[in-house]
Amino acid sequence: MEDKRERAHDIAEEGLDKLVEGDTKTGEKLIDKAKKIDPKADEELAEEVERDKEKAERFVNRKPS
């Protein structure tokens, strides 16, 4: 079961990368494929992206030592 989750996560990440690159059609197809494997794949990826965004914002907004 964990393998399916990991596979779905990897496919969803690839889809997100395609979206960022501007390839909306391929990105959406990959994300849909990931959701068919694991319906929560997109939610988990969205949470991961949000955590990464928060870390990046803290880094950017931090004052030099």
PDB file of N, CA and C in Angstrom:
ATOM      1  N   MET A   1       0.831  -1.206   0.000  1.00  0.00           N
ATOM      2  CA  MET A   1       0.000   0.000   0.000  1.00  0.00           C
ATOM      3  C   MET A   1       0.869   1.262   0.000  1.00  0.00           C
ATOM      4  N   GLU A   2       1.948   1.249   0.758  1.00  0.00           N
ATOM      5  CA  GLU A   2       2.827   2.408   0.825  1.00  0.00           C
ATOM      6  C   GLU A   2       3.449   2.705  -0.540  1.00  0.00           C
ATOM      7  N   ASP A   3       3.733   1.653  -1.309  1.00  0.00           N
ATOM      8  CA  ASP A   3       4.304   1.847  -2.639  1.00  0.00           C
ATOM      9  C   ASP A   3       3.349   2.624  -3.540  1.00  0.00           C
ATOM     10  N   LYS A   4       2.057   2.327  -3.446  1.00  0.00           N
ATOM     11  CA  LYS A   4       1.062   3.057  -4.246  1.00  0.00           C
ATOM     12  C   LYS A   4       1.049   4.528  -3.858  1.00  0.00           C
ATOM     13  N   ARG A   5       1.128   4.787  -2.560  1.00  0.00           N
ATOM     14  CA  ARG A   5       1.115   6.169  -2.072  1.00  0.00           C
ATOM     15  C   ARG A   5       2.351   6.917  -2.578  1.00  0.00           C
ATOM     16  N   GLU A   6       3.504   6.272  -2.474  1.00  0.00           N
ATOM     17  CA  GLU A   6       4.738   6.909  -2.928  1.00  0.00           C
ATOM     18  C   GLU A   6       4.702   7.152  -4.435  1.00  0.00           C
ATOM     19  N   ARG A   7       4.213   6.178  -5.178  1.00  0.00           N
ATOM     20  CA  ARG A   7       4.114   6.321  -6.635  1.00  0.00           C
ATOM     21  C   ARG A   7       3.187   7.485  -6.982  1.00  0.00           C
ATOM     22  N   ALA A   8       2.050   7.537  -6.317  1.00  0.00           N
ATOM     23  CA  ALA A   8       1.098   8.628  -6.557  1.00  0.00           C
ATOM     24  C   ALA A   8       1.729   9.976  -6.220  1.00  0.00           C
ATOM     25  N   HIS A   9       2.460  10.027  -5.129  1.00  0.00           N
ATOM     26  CA  HIS A   9       3.123  11.263  -4.720  1.00  0.00           C
ATOM     27  C   HIS A   9       4.137  11.696  -5.773  1.00  0.00           C
ATOM     28  N   ASP A  10       4.930  10.761  -6.257  1.00  0.00           N
ATOM     29  CA  ASP A  10       5.933  11.082  -7.277  1.00  0.00           C
ATOM     30  C   ASP A  10       5.279  11.597  -8.563  1.00  0.00           C
ATOM     31  N   ILE A  11       4.193  10.961  -8.955  1.00  0.00           N
ATOM     32  CA  ILE A  11       3.481  11.385 -10.165  1.00  0.00           C
ATOM     33  C   ILE A  11       2.873  12.774  -9.960  1.00  0.00           C
ATOM     34  N   ALA A  12       2.313  13.008  -8.781  1.00  0.00           N
ATOM     35  CA  ALA A  12       1.734  14.326  -8.487  1.00  0.00           C
ATOM     36  C   ALA A  12       2.811  15.403  -8.490  1.00  0.00           C
ATOM     37  N   GLU A  13       3.988  15.086  -7.948  1.00  0.00           N
ATOM     38  CA  GLU A  13       5.093  16.046  -7.969  1.00  0.00           C
ATOM     39  C   GLU A  13       5.506  16.368  -9.398  1.00  0.00           C
ATOM     40  N   GLU A  14       5.571  15.337 -10.218  1.00  0.00           N
ATOM     41  CA  GLU A  14       5.918  15.549 -11.629  1.00  0.00           C
ATOM     42  C   GLU A  14       4.865  16.440 -12.294  1.00  0.00           C
ATOM     43  N   GLY A  15       3.605  16.200 -11.963  1.00  0.00           N
ATOM     44  CA  GLY A  15       2.526  17.033 -12.499  1.00  0.00           C
ATOM     45  C   GLY A  15       2.660  18.476 -12.068  1.00  0.00           C
ATOM     46  N   LEU A  16       2.998  18.681 -10.813  1.00  0.00           N
ATOM     47  CA  LEU A  16       3.186  20.041 -10.307  1.00  0.00           C
ATOM     48  C   LEU A  16       4.346  20.722 -11.034  1.00  0.00           C
ATOM     49  N   ASP A  17       5.426  19.983 -11.247  1.00  0.00           N
ATOM     50  CA  ASP A  17       6.558  20.540 -11.991  1.00  0.00           C
ATOM     51  C   ASP A  17       6.129  20.976 -13.393  1.00  0.00           C
ATOM     52  N   LYS A  18       5.313  20.153 -14.048  1.00  0.00           N
ATOM     53  CA  LYS A  18       4.840  20.494 -15.392  1.00  0.00           C
ATOM     54  C   LYS A  18       3.977  21.751 -15.360  1.00  0.00           C
ATOM     55  N   LEU A  19       3.138  21.872 -14.328  1.00  0.00           N
ATOM     56  CA  LEU A  19       2.311  23.075 -14.199  1.00  0.00           C
ATOM     57  C   LEU A  19       3.183  24.314 -14.041  1.00  0.00           C
ATOM     58  N   VAL A  20       4.207  24.195 -13.213  1.00  0.00           N
ATOM     59  CA  VAL A  20       5.114  25.322 -12.991  1.00  0.00           C
ATOM     60  C   VAL A  20       5.833  25.702 -14.283  1.00  0.00           C
ATOM     61  N   GLU A  21       6.162  24.695 -15.089  1.00  0.00           N
ATOM     62  CA  GLU A  21       6.838  24.937 -16.371  1.00  0.00           C
ATOM     63  C   GLU A  21       5.888  25.520 -17.416  1.00  0.00           C
ATOM     64  N   GLY A  22       4.595  25.532 -17.124  1.00  0.00           N
ATOM     65  CA  GLY A  22       3.623  26.079 -18.054  1.00  0.00           C
ATOM     66  C   GLY A  22       2.912  25.039 -18.907  1.00  0.00           C
ATOM     67  N   ASP A  23       3.206  23.765 -18.673  1.00  0.00           N
ATOM     68  CA  ASP A  23       2.567  22.686 -19.423  1.00  0.00           C
ATOM     69  C   ASP A  23       1.336  22.213 -18.644  1.00  0.00           C
ATOM     70  N   THR A  24       0.288  23.015 -18.722  1.00  0.00           N
ATOM     71  CA  THR A  24      -0.925  22.771 -17.942  1.00  0.00           C
ATOM     72  C   THR A  24      -1.572  21.439 -18.275  1.00  0.00           C
ATOM     73  N   LYS A  25      -1.674  21.126 -19.546  1.00  0.00           N
ATOM     74  CA  LYS A  25      -2.351  19.899 -19.974  1.00  0.00           C
ATOM     75  C   LYS A  25      -1.667  18.661 -19.388  1.00  0.00           C
ATOM     76  N   THR A  26      -0.344  18.566 -19.532  1.00  0.00           N
ATOM     77  CA  THR A  26       0.383  17.414 -19.003  1.00  0.00           C
ATOM     78  C   THR A  26       0.335  17.402 -17.482  1.00  0.00           C
ATOM     79  N   GLY A  27       0.483  18.568 -16.873  1.00  0.00           N
ATOM     80  CA  GLY A  27       0.447  18.648 -15.413  1.00  0.00           C
ATOM     81  C   GLY A  27      -0.875  18.154 -14.849  1.00  0.00           C
ATOM     82  N   GLU A  28      -1.968  18.584 -15.441  1.00  0.00           N
ATOM     83  CA  GLU A  28      -3.284  18.151 -14.963  1.00  0.00           C
ATOM     84  C   GLU A  28      -3.491  16.659 -15.191  1.00  0.00           C
ATOM     85  N   LYS A  29      -3.009  16.145 -16.321  1.00  0.00           N
ATOM     86  CA  LYS A  29      -3.133  14.709 -16.586  1.00  0.00           C
ATOM     87  C   LYS A  29      -2.387  13.895 -15.538  1.00  0.00           C
ATOM     88  N   LEU A  30      -1.172  14.331 -15.214  1.00  0.00           N
ATOM     89  CA  LEU A  30      -0.375  13.602 -14.223  1.00  0.00           C
ATOM     90  C   LEU A  30      -1.022  13.656 -12.840  1.00  0.00           C
ATOM     91  N   ILE A  31      -1.540  14.806 -12.474  1.00  0.00           N
ATOM     92  CA  ILE A  31      -2.186  14.931 -11.168  1.00  0.00           C
ATOM     93  C   ILE A  31      -3.454  14.074 -11.113  1.00  0.00           C
ATOM     94  N   ASP A  32      -4.208  14.056 -12.184  1.00  0.00           N
ATOM     95  CA  ASP A  32      -5.396  13.190 -12.243  1.00  0.00           C
ATOM     96  C   ASP A  32      -4.997  11.717 -12.123  1.00  0.00           C
ATOM     97  N   LYS A  33      -3.910  11.348 -12.791  1.00  0.00           N
ATOM     98  CA  LYS A  33      -3.413   9.972 -12.717  1.00  0.00           C
ATOM     99  C   LYS A  33      -3.023   9.630 -11.279  1.00  0.00           C
ATOM    100  N   ALA A  34      -2.354  10.551 -10.615  1.00  0.00           N
ATOM    101  CA  ALA A  34      -1.950  10.332  -9.223  1.00  0.00           C
ATOM    102  C   ALA A  34      -3.171  10.164  -8.328  1.00  0.00           C
ATOM    103  N   LYS A  35      -4.207  10.971  -8.565  1.00  0.00           N
ATOM    104  CA  LYS A  35      -5.429  10.888  -7.752  1.00  0.00           C
ATOM    105  C   LYS A  35      -6.159   9.567  -7.957  1.00  0.00           C
ATOM    106  N   LYS A  36      -6.027   8.978  -9.150  1.00  0.00           N
ATOM    107  CA  LYS A  36      -6.643   7.669  -9.381  1.00  0.00           C
ATOM    108  C   LYS A  36      -5.923   6.579  -8.597  1.00  0.00           C
ATOM    109  N   ILE A  37      -4.619   6.737  -8.443  1.00  0.00           N
ATOM    110  CA  ILE A  37      -3.833   5.764  -7.675  1.00  0.00           C
ATOM    111  C   ILE A  37      -4.089   5.951  -6.184  1.00  0.00           C
ATOM    112  N   ASP A  38      -4.044   7.199  -5.742  1.00  0.00           N
ATOM    113  CA  ASP A  38      -4.273   7.536  -4.331  1.00  0.00           C
ATOM    114  C   ASP A  38      -5.057   8.839  -4.290  1.00  0.00           C
ATOM    115  N   PRO A  39      -6.349   8.756  -3.960  1.00  0.00           N
ATOM    116  CA  PRO A  39      -7.204   9.954  -3.975  1.00  0.00           C
ATOM    117  C   PRO A  39      -6.702  11.116  -3.115  1.00  0.00           C
ATOM    118  N   LYS A  40      -5.835  10.855  -2.154  1.00  0.00           N
ATOM    119  CA  LYS A  40      -5.329  11.925  -1.287  1.00  0.00           C
ATOM    120  C   LYS A  40      -3.979  12.460  -1.739  1.00  0.00           C
ATOM    121  N   ALA A  41      -3.474  11.981  -2.861  1.00  0.00           N
ATOM    122  CA  ALA A  41      -2.138  12.372  -3.324  1.00  0.00           C
ATOM    123  C   ALA A  41      -2.021  13.882  -3.494  1.00  0.00           C
ATOM    124  N   ASP A  42      -3.007  14.520  -4.088  1.00  0.00           N
ATOM    125  CA  ASP A  42      -2.932  15.962  -4.319  1.00  0.00           C
ATOM    126  C   ASP A  42      -3.013  16.747  -3.016  1.00  0.00           C
ATOM    127  N   GLU A  43      -3.798  16.253  -2.066  1.00  0.00           N
ATOM    128  CA  GLU A  43      -3.898  16.937  -0.767  1.00  0.00           C
ATOM    129  C   GLU A  43      -2.562  16.884  -0.034  1.00  0.00           C
ATOM    130  N   GLU A  44      -1.935  15.712  -0.048  1.00  0.00           N
ATOM    131  CA  GLU A  44      -0.649  15.560   0.630  1.00  0.00           C
ATOM    132  C   GLU A  44       0.412  16.439  -0.016  1.00  0.00           C
ATOM    133  N   LEU A  45       0.406  16.503  -1.340  1.00  0.00           N
ATOM    134  CA  LEU A  45       1.374  17.343  -2.041  1.00  0.00           C
ATOM    135  C   LEU A  45       1.114  18.816  -1.733  1.00  0.00           C
ATOM    136  N   ALA A  46      -0.142  19.207  -1.684  1.00  0.00           N
ATOM    137  CA  ALA A  46      -0.478  20.600  -1.375  1.00  0.00           C
ATOM    138  C   ALA A  46       0.013  20.977   0.025  1.00  0.00           C
ATOM    139  N   GLU A  47      -0.123  20.063   0.982  1.00  0.00           N
ATOM    140  CA  GLU A  47       0.362  20.326   2.339  1.00  0.00           C
ATOM    141  C   GLU A  47       1.885  20.460   2.346  1.00  0.00           C
ATOM    142  N   GLU A  48       2.548  19.605   1.586  1.00  0.00           N
ATOM    143  CA  GLU A  48       4.006  19.655   1.497  1.00  0.00           C
ATOM    144  C   GLU A  48       4.466  20.976   0.873  1.00  0.00           C
ATOM    145  N   VAL A  49       3.792  21.392  -0.176  1.00  0.00           N
ATOM    146  CA  VAL A  49       4.134  22.655  -0.837  1.00  0.00           C
ATOM    147  C   VAL A  49       3.924  23.823   0.125  1.00  0.00           C
ATOM    148  N   GLU A  50       2.856  23.786   0.887  1.00  0.00           N
ATOM    149  CA  GLU A  50       2.583  24.862   1.847  1.00  0.00           C
ATOM    150  C   GLU A  50       3.677  24.931   2.915  1.00  0.00           C
ATOM    151  N   ARG A  51       4.117  23.781   3.411  1.00  0.00           N
ATOM    152  CA  ARG A  51       5.212  23.767   4.404  1.00  0.00           C
ATOM    153  C   ARG A  51       6.489  24.342   3.792  1.00  0.00           C
ATOM    154  N   ASP A  52       6.781  23.942   2.562  1.00  0.00           N
ATOM    155  CA  ASP A  52       7.980  24.458   1.892  1.00  0.00           C
ATOM    156  C   ASP A  52       7.886  25.964   1.682  1.00  0.00           C
ATOM    157  N   LYS A  53       6.701  26.439   1.336  1.00  0.00           N
ATOM    158  CA  LYS A  53       6.489  27.871   1.130  1.00  0.00           C
ATOM    159  C   LYS A  53       6.736  28.647   2.427  1.00  0.00           C
ATOM    160  N   GLU A  54       6.223  28.113   3.533  1.00  0.00           N
ATOM    161  CA  GLU A  54       6.408  28.777   4.824  1.00  0.00           C
ATOM    162  C   GLU A  54       7.887  28.827   5.206  1.00  0.00           C
ATOM    163  N   LYS A  55       8.610  27.731   4.967  1.00  0.00           N
ATOM    164  CA  LYS A  55      10.049  27.707   5.254  1.00  0.00           C
ATOM    165  C   LYS A  55      10.774  28.739   4.397  1.00  0.00           C
ATOM    166  N   ALA A  56      10.422  28.811   3.135  1.00  0.00           N
ATOM    167  CA  ALA A  56      11.072  29.760   2.230  1.00  0.00           C
ATOM    168  C   ALA A  56      10.797  31.192   2.661  1.00  0.00           C
ATOM    169  N   GLU A  57       9.571  31.470   3.061  1.00  0.00           N
ATOM    170  CA  GLU A  57       9.226  32.827   3.497  1.00  0.00           C
ATOM    171  C   GLU A  57      10.006  33.201   4.752  1.00  0.00           C
ATOM    172  N   ARG A  58      10.169  32.257   5.681  1.00  0.00           N
ATOM    173  CA  ARG A  58      10.954  32.550   6.893  1.00  0.00           C
ATOM    174  C   ARG A  58      12.391  32.842   6.520  1.00  0.00           C
ATOM    175  N   PHE A  59      12.943  32.099   5.568  1.00  0.00           N
ATOM    176  CA  PHE A  59      14.316  32.299   5.129  1.00  0.00           C
ATOM    177  C   PHE A  59      14.488  33.669   4.471  1.00  0.00           C
ATOM    178  N   VAL A  60      13.563  34.014   3.586  1.00  0.00           N
ATOM    179  CA  VAL A  60      13.638  35.267   2.858  1.00  0.00           C
ATOM    180  C   VAL A  60      13.472  36.450   3.802  1.00  0.00           C
ATOM    181  N   ASN A  61      12.611  36.310   4.788  1.00  0.00           N
ATOM    182  CA  ASN A  61      12.296  37.416   5.688  1.00  0.00           C
ATOM    183  C   ASN A  61      13.219  37.498   6.909  1.00  0.00           C
ATOM    184  N   ARG A  62      14.154  36.574   7.018  1.00  0.00           N
ATOM    185  CA  ARG A  62      15.017  36.584   8.193  1.00  0.00           C
ATOM    186  C   ARG A  62      16.071  37.669   8.066  1.00  0.00           C
ATOM    187  N   LYS A  63      16.442  38.212   9.206  1.00  0.00           N
ATOM    188  CA  LYS A  63      17.444  39.279   9.217  1.00  0.00           C
ATOM    189  C   LYS A  63      18.828  38.656   9.305  1.00  0.00           C
ATOM    190  N   PRO A  64      19.789  39.236   8.594  1.00  0.00           N
ATOM    191  CA  PRO A  64      21.158  38.700   8.636  1.00  0.00           C
ATOM    192  C   PRO A  64      21.713  38.755  10.050  1.00  0.00           C
ATOM    193  N   SER A  65      22.561  37.804  10.353  1.00  0.00           N
ATOM    194  CA  SER A  65      23.189  37.764  11.688  1.00  0.00           C
ATOM    195  C   SER A  65      24.266  38.786  11.826  1.00  0.00           C
TER     196      SER A  65
END
